[in-house]
């Protein structure tokens, strides 16, 4: 007897994201939820290093380079505020801005 193959649809998920435009202050505020005057160039979630290409996001899969134009997405189901980068073409195919 063959198993019945079913179709599934992905549930809609609301996310928070910010496009990386080489503005460390803006990204720092997004990644840390801090609005301090003093900005560190590293934290447990990211670091900024021009020698490596700019913004490095620390993910569960390792460190990932975030190029200018990439989006940084806050993981919607993670209680620990984890982030990951996403290429702009994939982001635009997957998400649409809420009005």
PDB file of N, CA and C in Angstrom:
ATOM      1  N   UNK A   1       0.842  -1.186   0.000  1.00  0.00           N
ATOM      2  CA  UNK A   1       0.000   0.000   0.000  1.00  0.00           C
ATOM      3  C   UNK A   1       0.890   1.254   0.000  1.00  0.00           C
ATOM      4  N   UNK A   2       0.659   2.139  -0.960  1.00  0.00           N
ATOM      5  CA  UNK A   2       1.448   3.364  -1.073  1.00  0.00           C
ATOM      6  C   UNK A   2       0.968   4.406  -0.061  1.00  0.00           C
ATOM      7  N   UNK A   3       1.910   5.119   0.538  1.00  0.00           N
ATOM      8  CA  UNK A   3       1.488   6.186   1.453  1.00  0.00           C
ATOM      9  C   UNK A   3       0.844   7.329   0.661  1.00  0.00           C
ATOM     10  N   UNK A   4      -0.119   7.974   1.272  1.00  0.00           N
ATOM     11  CA  UNK A   4      -0.780   9.110   0.628  1.00  0.00           C
ATOM     12  C   UNK A   4       0.144  10.327   0.688  1.00  0.00           C
ATOM     13  N   UNK A   5       0.444  10.869  -0.468  1.00  0.00           N
ATOM     14  CA  UNK A   5       1.291  12.064  -0.530  1.00  0.00           C
ATOM     15  C   UNK A   5       0.396  13.281  -0.378  1.00  0.00           C
ATOM     16  N   UNK A   6       0.776  14.133   0.563  1.00  0.00           N
ATOM     17  CA  UNK A   6      -0.010  15.331   0.842  1.00  0.00           C
ATOM     18  C   UNK A   6       0.778  16.564   0.441  1.00  0.00           C
ATOM     19  N   UNK A   7       0.072  17.637   0.187  1.00  0.00           N
ATOM     20  CA  UNK A   7       0.706  18.920  -0.113  1.00  0.00           C
ATOM     21  C   UNK A   7       0.617  19.797   1.128  1.00  0.00           C
ATOM     22  N   UNK A   8       1.672  20.592   1.327  1.00  0.00           N
ATOM     23  CA  UNK A   8       1.725  21.486   2.477  1.00  0.00           C
ATOM     24  C   UNK A   8       2.080  22.887   2.005  1.00  0.00           C
ATOM     25  N   UNK A   9       1.595  23.869   2.734  1.00  0.00           N
ATOM     26  CA  UNK A   9       1.879  25.260   2.435  1.00  0.00           C
ATOM     27  C   UNK A   9       2.617  25.859   3.631  1.00  0.00           C
ATOM     28  N   UNK A  10       3.656  26.618   3.364  1.00  0.00           N
ATOM     29  CA  UNK A  10       4.418  27.260   4.428  1.00  0.00           C
ATOM     30  C   UNK A  10       3.554  28.326   5.110  1.00  0.00           C
ATOM     31  N   UNK A  11       3.568  28.329   6.433  1.00  0.00           N
ATOM     32  CA  UNK A  11       2.806  29.313   7.193  1.00  0.00           C
ATOM     33  C   UNK A  11       3.443  30.690   7.030  1.00  0.00           C
ATOM     34  N   UNK A  12       2.627  31.733   6.959  1.00  0.00           N
ATOM     35  CA  UNK A  12       3.213  33.076   6.877  1.00  0.00           C
ATOM     36  C   UNK A  12       3.878  33.444   8.206  1.00  0.00           C
ATOM     37  N   UNK A  13       5.031  34.046   8.117  1.00  0.00           N
ATOM     38  CA  UNK A  13       5.794  34.433   9.298  1.00  0.00           C
ATOM     39  C   UNK A  13       6.211  35.891   9.135  1.00  0.00           C
ATOM     40  N   UNK A  14       5.975  36.681  10.163  1.00  0.00           N
ATOM     41  CA  UNK A  14       6.415  38.069  10.148  1.00  0.00           C
ATOM     42  C   UNK A  14       7.835  38.129  10.695  1.00  0.00           C
ATOM     43  N   UNK A  15       8.701  38.848   9.992  1.00  0.00           N
ATOM     44  CA  UNK A  15      10.099  38.971  10.420  1.00  0.00           C
ATOM     45  C   UNK A  15      10.470  40.438  10.563  1.00  0.00           C
ATOM     46  N   UNK A  16      11.601  40.677  11.207  1.00  0.00           N
ATOM     47  CA  UNK A  16      12.230  41.990  11.223  1.00  0.00           C
ATOM     48  C   UNK A  16      13.526  41.856  10.456  1.00  0.00           C
ATOM     49  N   UNK A  17      13.812  42.830   9.592  1.00  0.00           N
ATOM     50  CA  UNK A  17      15.033  42.782   8.793  1.00  0.00           C
ATOM     51  C   UNK A  17      15.509  44.197   8.516  1.00  0.00           C
ATOM     52  N   UNK A  18      16.801  44.303   8.234  1.00  0.00           N
ATOM     53  CA  UNK A  18      17.398  45.586   7.890  1.00  0.00           C
ATOM     54  C   UNK A  18      18.400  45.363   6.777  1.00  0.00           C
ATOM     55  N   UNK A  19      18.325  46.192   5.738  1.00  0.00           N
ATOM     56  CA  UNK A  19      19.288  46.086   4.642  1.00  0.00           C
ATOM     57  C   UNK A  19      20.620  46.686   5.085  1.00  0.00           C
ATOM     58  N   UNK A  20      21.708  45.946   4.855  1.00  0.00           N
ATOM     59  CA  UNK A  20      23.049  46.411   5.210  1.00  0.00           C
ATOM     60  C   UNK A  20      23.502  47.401   4.145  1.00  0.00           C
ATOM     61  N   UNK A  21      23.692  48.655   4.553  1.00  0.00           N
ATOM     62  CA  UNK A  21      24.120  49.699   3.624  1.00  0.00           C
ATOM     63  C   UNK A  21      25.438  50.327   4.067  1.00  0.00           C
ATOM     64  N   UNK A  22      26.219  49.555   4.797  1.00  0.00           N
ATOM     65  CA  UNK A  22      27.525  49.982   5.306  1.00  0.00           C
ATOM     66  C   UNK A  22      27.398  51.107   6.327  1.00  0.00           C
ATOM     67  N   UNK A  23      26.310  51.111   7.077  1.00  0.00           N
ATOM     68  CA  UNK A  23      26.099  52.065   8.154  1.00  0.00           C
ATOM     69  C   UNK A  23      26.186  51.298   9.479  1.00  0.00           C
ATOM     70  N   UNK A  24      27.385  51.228  10.070  1.00  0.00           N
ATOM     71  CA  UNK A  24      27.560  50.432  11.291  1.00  0.00           C
ATOM     72  C   UNK A  24      26.644  50.857  12.440  1.00  0.00           C
ATOM     73  N   UNK A  25      26.397  52.144  12.582  1.00  0.00           N
ATOM     74  CA  UNK A  25      25.561  52.626  13.691  1.00  0.00           C
ATOM     75  C   UNK A  25      24.138  52.074  13.584  1.00  0.00           C
ATOM     76  N   UNK A  26      23.572  52.169  12.394  1.00  0.00           N
ATOM     77  CA  UNK A  26      22.213  51.681  12.158  1.00  0.00           C
ATOM     78  C   UNK A  26      22.122  50.176  12.429  1.00  0.00           C
ATOM     79  N   UNK A  27      23.105  49.426  11.945  1.00  0.00           N
ATOM     80  CA  UNK A  27      23.088  47.977  12.136  1.00  0.00           C
ATOM     81  C   UNK A  27      23.322  47.623  13.601  1.00  0.00           C
ATOM     82  N   UNK A  28      24.203  48.345  14.268  1.00  0.00           N
ATOM     83  CA  UNK A  28      24.458  48.111  15.692  1.00  0.00           C
ATOM     84  C   UNK A  28      23.165  48.261  16.494  1.00  0.00           C
ATOM     85  N   UNK A  29      22.423  49.333  16.232  1.00  0.00           N
ATOM     86  CA  UNK A  29      21.163  49.557  16.947  1.00  0.00           C
ATOM     87  C   UNK A  29      20.184  48.412  16.697  1.00  0.00           C
ATOM     88  N   UNK A  30      20.112  47.909  15.458  1.00  0.00           N
ATOM     89  CA  UNK A  30      19.209  46.808  15.121  1.00  0.00           C
ATOM     90  C   UNK A  30      19.645  45.503  15.790  1.00  0.00           C
ATOM     91  N   UNK A  31      20.921  45.203  15.733  1.00  0.00           N
ATOM     92  CA  UNK A  31      21.425  43.932  16.256  1.00  0.00           C
ATOM     93  C   UNK A  31      21.445  43.873  17.779  1.00  0.00           C
ATOM     94  N   UNK A  32      21.577  45.005  18.428  1.00  0.00           N
ATOM     95  CA  UNK A  32      21.731  44.996  19.880  1.00  0.00           C
ATOM     96  C   UNK A  32      20.514  45.512  20.634  1.00  0.00           C
ATOM     97  N   UNK A  33      19.604  46.179  19.964  1.00  0.00           N
ATOM     98  CA  UNK A  33      18.464  46.816  20.626  1.00  0.00           C
ATOM     99  C   UNK A  33      18.922  47.892  21.599  1.00  0.00           C
ATOM    100  N   UNK A  34      20.129  48.400  21.409  1.00  0.00           N
ATOM    101  CA  UNK A  34      20.661  49.454  22.270  1.00  0.00           C
ATOM    102  C   UNK A  34      20.698  50.746  21.475  1.00  0.00           C
ATOM    103  N   UNK A  35      20.495  51.828  22.149  1.00  0.00           N
ATOM    104  CA  UNK A  35      20.589  53.139  21.516  1.00  0.00           C
ATOM    105  C   UNK A  35      21.665  53.955  22.248  1.00  0.00           C
ATOM    106  N   UNK A  36      22.742  53.272  22.647  1.00  0.00           N
ATOM    107  CA  UNK A  36      23.818  53.919  23.394  1.00  0.00           C
ATOM    108  C   UNK A  36      24.596  54.877  22.502  1.00  0.00           C
ATOM    109  N   UNK A  37      25.212  55.865  23.134  1.00  0.00           N
ATOM    110  CA  UNK A  37      26.123  56.725  22.387  1.00  0.00           C
ATOM    111  C   UNK A  37      27.369  55.941  22.002  1.00  0.00           C
ATOM    112  N   UNK A  38      27.827  55.063  22.890  1.00  0.00           N
ATOM    113  CA  UNK A  38      29.038  54.290  22.647  1.00  0.00           C
ATOM    114  C   UNK A  38      28.685  53.048  21.841  1.00  0.00           C
ATOM    115  N   UNK A  39      29.337  52.881  20.714  1.00  0.00           N
ATOM    116  CA  UNK A  39      29.056  51.741  19.844  1.00  0.00           C
ATOM    117  C   UNK A  39      30.283  50.845  19.763  1.00  0.00           C
ATOM    118  N   UNK A  40      30.112  49.586  20.101  1.00  0.00           N
ATOM    119  CA  UNK A  40      31.196  48.619  19.963  1.00  0.00           C
ATOM    120  C   UNK A  40      31.160  48.045  18.555  1.00  0.00           C
ATOM    121  N   UNK A  41      32.313  47.682  18.035  1.00  0.00           N
ATOM    122  CA  UNK A  41      32.394  47.120  16.690  1.00  0.00           C
ATOM    123  C   UNK A  41      32.273  45.603  16.713  1.00  0.00           C
ATOM    124  N   UNK A  42      31.918  45.041  17.870  1.00  0.00           N
ATOM    125  CA  UNK A  42      31.740  43.595  17.968  1.00  0.00           C
ATOM    126  C   UNK A  42      30.773  43.288  19.109  1.00  0.00           C
ATOM    127  N   UNK A  43      30.160  42.138  19.046  1.00  0.00           N
ATOM    128  CA  UNK A  43      29.319  41.628  20.130  1.00  0.00           C
ATOM    129  C   UNK A  43      29.273  40.119  19.972  1.00  0.00           C
ATOM    130  N   UNK A  44      28.448  39.460  20.762  1.00  0.00           N
ATOM    131  CA  UNK A  44      28.336  38.005  20.613  1.00  0.00           C
ATOM    132  C   UNK A  44      27.597  37.629  19.335  1.00  0.00           C
ATOM    133  N   UNK A  45      26.910  38.571  18.686  1.00  0.00           N
ATOM    134  CA  UNK A  45      26.152  38.279  17.468  1.00  0.00           C
ATOM    135  C   UNK A  45      26.847  38.706  16.174  1.00  0.00           C
ATOM    136  N   UNK A  46      27.789  39.628  16.249  1.00  0.00           N
ATOM    137  CA  UNK A  46      28.393  40.165  15.031  1.00  0.00           C
ATOM    138  C   UNK A  46      29.728  40.829  15.347  1.00  0.00           C
ATOM    139  N   UNK A  47      30.478  41.104  14.289  1.00  0.00           N
ATOM    140  CA  UNK A  47      31.600  42.021  14.403  1.00  0.00           C
ATOM    141  C   UNK A  47      31.817  42.699  13.062  1.00  0.00           C
ATOM    142  N   UNK A  48      32.455  43.847  13.103  1.00  0.00           N
ATOM    143  CA  UNK A  48      32.695  44.647  11.909  1.00  0.00           C
ATOM    144  C   UNK A  48      34.191  44.655  11.648  1.00  0.00           C
ATOM    145  N   UNK A  49      34.588  44.227  10.446  1.00  0.00           N
ATOM    146  CA  UNK A  49      36.003  44.118  10.111  1.00  0.00           C
ATOM    147  C   UNK A  49      36.180  44.396   8.625  1.00  0.00           C
ATOM    148  N   UNK A  50      36.734  45.555   8.304  1.00  0.00           N
ATOM    149  CA  UNK A  50      36.945  45.913   6.894  1.00  0.00           C
ATOM    150  C   UNK A  50      37.825  44.911   6.174  1.00  0.00           C
ATOM    151  N   UNK A  51      38.796  44.318   6.871  1.00  0.00           N
ATOM    152  CA  UNK A  51      39.702  43.357   6.250  1.00  0.00           C
ATOM    153  C   UNK A  51      38.997  42.103   5.761  1.00  0.00           C
ATOM    154  N   UNK A  52      37.884  41.744   6.399  1.00  0.00           N
ATOM    155  CA  UNK A  52      37.119  40.560   5.998  1.00  0.00           C
ATOM    156  C   UNK A  52      35.931  40.927   5.118  1.00  0.00           C
ATOM    157  N   UNK A  53      35.800  42.179   4.780  1.00  0.00           N
ATOM    158  CA  UNK A  53      34.717  42.584   3.893  1.00  0.00           C
ATOM    159  C   UNK A  53      33.610  43.356   4.568  1.00  0.00           C
ATOM    160  N   UNK A  54      33.732  43.624   5.845  1.00  0.00           N
ATOM    161  CA  UNK A  54      32.727  44.436   6.520  1.00  0.00           C
ATOM    162  C   UNK A  54      32.040  43.739   7.662  1.00  0.00           C
ATOM    163  N   UNK A  55      30.756  43.513   7.528  1.00  0.00           N
ATOM    164  CA  UNK A  55      29.942  42.990   8.615  1.00  0.00           C
ATOM    165  C   UNK A  55      29.945  41.468   8.613  1.00  0.00           C
ATOM    166  N   UNK A  56      30.315  40.877   9.737  1.00  0.00           N
ATOM    167  CA  UNK A  56      30.312  39.427   9.914  1.00  0.00           C
ATOM    168  C   UNK A  56      29.231  39.100  10.942  1.00  0.00           C
ATOM    169  N   UNK A  57      28.268  38.258  10.551  1.00  0.00           N
ATOM    170  CA  UNK A  57      27.193  37.828  11.441  1.00  0.00           C
ATOM    171  C   UNK A  57      27.543  36.438  11.958  1.00  0.00           C
ATOM    172  N   UNK A  58      27.508  36.274  13.273  1.00  0.00           N
ATOM    173  CA  UNK A  58      27.776  34.964  13.876  1.00  0.00           C
ATOM    174  C   UNK A  58      26.471  34.172  13.906  1.00  0.00           C
ATOM    175  N   UNK A  59      26.442  33.032  13.199  1.00  0.00           N
ATOM    176  CA  UNK A  59      25.238  32.200  13.137  1.00  0.00           C
ATOM    177  C   UNK A  59      25.546  30.820  13.699  1.00  0.00           C
ATOM    178  N   UNK A  60      24.524  29.996  13.833  1.00  0.00           N
ATOM    179  CA  UNK A  60      24.737  28.626  14.310  1.00  0.00           C
ATOM    180  C   UNK A  60      25.528  27.804  13.297  1.00  0.00           C
ATOM    181  N   UNK A  61      25.559  28.239  12.024  1.00  0.00           N
ATOM    182  CA  UNK A  61      26.344  27.545  10.992  1.00  0.00           C
ATOM    183  C   UNK A  61      27.752  28.117  10.844  1.00  0.00           C
ATOM    184  N   UNK A  62      28.102  29.100  11.663  1.00  0.00           N
ATOM    185  CA  UNK A  62      29.419  29.726  11.586  1.00  0.00           C
ATOM    186  C   UNK A  62      29.295  31.195  11.225  1.00  0.00           C
ATOM    187  N   UNK A  63      30.428  31.849  11.064  1.00  0.00           N
ATOM    188  CA  UNK A  63      30.442  33.264  10.724  1.00  0.00           C
ATOM    189  C   UNK A  63      30.090  33.448   9.253  1.00  0.00           C
ATOM    190  N   UNK A  64      29.191  34.405   8.969  1.00  0.00           N
ATOM    191  CA  UNK A  64      28.752  34.654   7.604  1.00  0.00           C
ATOM    192  C   UNK A  64      28.974  36.118   7.255  1.00  0.00           C
ATOM    193  N   UNK A  65      29.574  36.352   6.098  1.00  0.00           N
ATOM    194  CA  UNK A  65      29.821  37.703   5.616  1.00  0.00           C
ATOM    195  C   UNK A  65      28.525  38.303   5.096  1.00  0.00           C
ATOM    196  N   UNK A  66      28.254  39.509   5.500  1.00  0.00           N
ATOM    197  CA  UNK A  66      27.085  40.244   5.022  1.00  0.00           C
ATOM    198  C   UNK A  66      27.591  41.352   4.106  1.00  0.00           C
ATOM    199  N   UNK A  67      27.337  41.220   2.813  1.00  0.00           N
ATOM    200  CA  UNK A  67      27.765  42.217   1.833  1.00  0.00           C
ATOM    201  C   UNK A  67      26.788  43.389   1.805  1.00  0.00           C
ATOM    202  N   UNK A  68      27.260  44.525   1.319  1.00  0.00           N
ATOM    203  CA  UNK A  68      26.382  45.679   1.161  1.00  0.00           C
ATOM    204  C   UNK A  68      25.229  45.281   0.243  1.00  0.00           C
ATOM    205  N   UNK A  69      24.008  45.587   0.657  1.00  0.00           N
ATOM    206  CA  UNK A  69      22.815  45.216  -0.101  1.00  0.00           C
ATOM    207  C   UNK A  69      22.138  43.970   0.435  1.00  0.00           C
ATOM    208  N   UNK A  70      22.878  43.148   1.198  1.00  0.00           N
ATOM    209  CA  UNK A  70      22.268  41.977   1.832  1.00  0.00           C
ATOM    210  C   UNK A  70      21.348  42.450   2.958  1.00  0.00           C
ATOM    211  N   UNK A  71      20.409  41.604   3.317  1.00  0.00           N
ATOM    212  CA  UNK A  71      19.515  41.888   4.435  1.00  0.00           C
ATOM    213  C   UNK A  71      19.949  41.069   5.636  1.00  0.00           C
ATOM    214  N   UNK A  72      19.820  41.656   6.814  1.00  0.00           N
ATOM    215  CA  UNK A  72      20.050  40.931   8.057  1.00  0.00           C
ATOM    216  C   UNK A  72      18.674  40.680   8.660  1.00  0.00           C
ATOM    217  N   UNK A  73      18.373  39.406   8.893  1.00  0.00           N
ATOM    218  CA  UNK A  73      17.059  38.994   9.373  1.00  0.00           C
ATOM    219  C   UNK A  73      17.167  38.531  10.817  1.00  0.00           C
ATOM    220  N   UNK A  74      16.249  39.020  11.636  1.00  0.00           N
ATOM    221  CA  UNK A  74      16.147  38.538  13.017  1.00  0.00           C
ATOM    222  C   UNK A  74      15.337  37.252  12.979  1.00  0.00           C
ATOM    223  N   UNK A  75      15.898  36.182  13.511  1.00  0.00           N
ATOM    224  CA  UNK A  75      15.232  34.875  13.523  1.00  0.00           C
ATOM    225  C   UNK A  75      13.921  34.993  14.301  1.00  0.00           C
ATOM    226  N   UNK A  76      12.772  34.706  13.671  1.00  0.00           N
ATOM    227  CA  UNK A  76      11.489  34.952  14.340  1.00  0.00           C
ATOM    228  C   UNK A  76      11.152  33.991  15.476  1.00  0.00           C
ATOM    229  N   UNK A  77      11.745  32.813  15.508  1.00  0.00           N
ATOM    230  CA  UNK A  77      11.367  31.826  16.522  1.00  0.00           C
ATOM    231  C   UNK A  77      12.419  31.636  17.602  1.00  0.00           C
ATOM    232  N   UNK A  78      13.509  32.372  17.535  1.00  0.00           N
ATOM    233  CA  UNK A  78      14.621  32.176  18.460  1.00  0.00           C
ATOM    234  C   UNK A  78      14.496  33.142  19.626  1.00  0.00           C
ATOM    235  N   UNK A  79      14.471  32.622  20.837  1.00  0.00           N
ATOM    236  CA  UNK A  79      14.360  33.464  22.026  1.00  0.00           C
ATOM    237  C   UNK A  79      15.659  34.213  22.314  1.00  0.00           C
ATOM    238  N   UNK A  80      16.764  33.762  21.720  1.00  0.00           N
ATOM    239  CA  UNK A  80      18.068  34.346  22.020  1.00  0.00           C
ATOM    240  C   UNK A  80      18.474  35.455  21.053  1.00  0.00           C
ATOM    241  N   UNK A  81      17.556  35.978  20.257  1.00  0.00           N
ATOM    242  CA  UNK A  81      17.840  37.064  19.307  1.00  0.00           C
ATOM    243  C   UNK A  81      18.962  36.694  18.346  1.00  0.00           C
ATOM    244  N   UNK A  82      18.789  35.670  17.564  1.00  0.00           N
ATOM    245  CA  UNK A  82      19.787  35.284  16.571  1.00  0.00           C
ATOM    246  C   UNK A  82      19.464  35.946  15.238  1.00  0.00           C
ATOM    247  N   UNK A  83      20.497  36.174  14.447  1.00  0.00           N
ATOM    248  CA  UNK A  83      20.376  36.865  13.173  1.00  0.00           C
ATOM    249  C   UNK A  83      21.072  36.063  12.087  1.00  0.00           C
ATOM    250  N   UNK A  84      20.699  36.319  10.847  1.00  0.00           N
ATOM    251  CA  UNK A  84      21.413  35.725   9.723  1.00  0.00           C
ATOM    252  C   UNK A  84      21.266  36.621   8.500  1.00  0.00           C
ATOM    253  N   UNK A  85      22.276  36.623   7.609  1.00  0.00           N
ATOM    254  CA  UNK A  85      22.196  37.432   6.395  1.00  0.00           C
ATOM    255  C   UNK A  85      21.429  36.706   5.297  1.00  0.00           C
ATOM    256  N   UNK A  86      20.881  37.487   4.374  1.00  0.00           N
ATOM    257  CA  UNK A  86      20.124  36.937   3.247  1.00  0.00           C
ATOM    258  C   UNK A  86      20.421  37.793   2.014  1.00  0.00           C
ATOM    259  N   UNK A  87      20.720  37.154   0.898  1.00  0.00           N
ATOM    260  CA  UNK A  87      20.986  37.867  -0.354  1.00  0.00           C
ATOM    261  C   UNK A  87      19.718  38.600  -0.804  1.00  0.00           C
ATOM    262  N   UNK A  88      19.871  39.785  -1.418  1.00  0.00           N
ATOM    263  CA  UNK A  88      18.702  40.588  -1.774  1.00  0.00           C
ATOM    264  C   UNK A  88      17.726  39.904  -2.730  1.00  0.00           C
ATOM    265  N   UNK A  89      18.225  39.132  -3.691  1.00  0.00           N
ATOM    266  CA  UNK A  89      17.308  38.475  -4.634  1.00  0.00           C
ATOM    267  C   UNK A  89      16.448  37.427  -3.928  1.00  0.00           C
ATOM    268  N   UNK A  90      17.041  36.677  -3.018  1.00  0.00           N
ATOM    269  CA  UNK A  90      16.291  35.677  -2.246  1.00  0.00           C
ATOM    270  C   UNK A  90      15.304  36.374  -1.309  1.00  0.00           C
ATOM    271  N   UNK A  91      15.756  37.452  -0.684  1.00  0.00           N
ATOM    272  CA  UNK A  91      14.899  38.198   0.241  1.00  0.00           C
ATOM    273  C   UNK A  91      13.646  38.695  -0.477  1.00  0.00           C
ATOM    274  N   UNK A  92      13.830  39.274  -1.665  1.00  0.00           N
ATOM    275  CA  UNK A  92      12.694  39.839  -2.409  1.00  0.00           C
ATOM    276  C   UNK A  92      11.749  38.762  -2.933  1.00  0.00           C
ATOM    277  N   UNK A  93      12.257  37.567  -3.195  1.00  0.00           N
ATOM    278  CA  UNK A  93      11.392  36.457  -3.603  1.00  0.00           C
ATOM    279  C   UNK A  93      10.598  35.886  -2.427  1.00  0.00           C
ATOM    280  N   UNK A  94      11.166  35.992  -1.237  1.00  0.00           N
ATOM    281  CA  UNK A  94      10.590  35.349  -0.056  1.00  0.00           C
ATOM    282  C   UNK A  94       9.693  36.270   0.763  1.00  0.00           C
ATOM    283  N   UNK A  95      10.034  37.554   0.832  1.00  0.00           N
ATOM    284  CA  UNK A  95       9.341  38.476   1.729  1.00  0.00           C
ATOM    285  C   UNK A  95       8.774  39.664   0.965  1.00  0.00           C
ATOM    286  N   UNK A  96       7.719  40.234   1.507  1.00  0.00           N
ATOM    287  CA  UNK A  96       7.213  41.502   0.998  1.00  0.00           C
ATOM    288  C   UNK A  96       6.994  42.417   2.191  1.00  0.00           C
ATOM    289  N   UNK A  97       7.232  43.703   1.979  1.00  0.00           N
ATOM    290  CA  UNK A  97       7.121  44.671   3.063  1.00  0.00           C
ATOM    291  C   UNK A  97       5.658  44.847   3.463  1.00  0.00           C
ATOM    292  N   UNK A  98       5.424  44.890   4.762  1.00  0.00           N
ATOM    293  CA  UNK A  98       4.075  45.141   5.256  1.00  0.00           C
ATOM    294  C   UNK A  98       3.795  46.630   5.189  1.00  0.00           C
ATOM    295  N   UNK A  99       2.546  46.959   4.939  1.00  0.00           N
ATOM    296  CA  UNK A  99       2.207  48.386   4.867  1.00  0.00           C
ATOM    297  C   UNK A  99       1.552  48.862   6.136  1.00  0.00           C
TER     298      UNK A  99
END
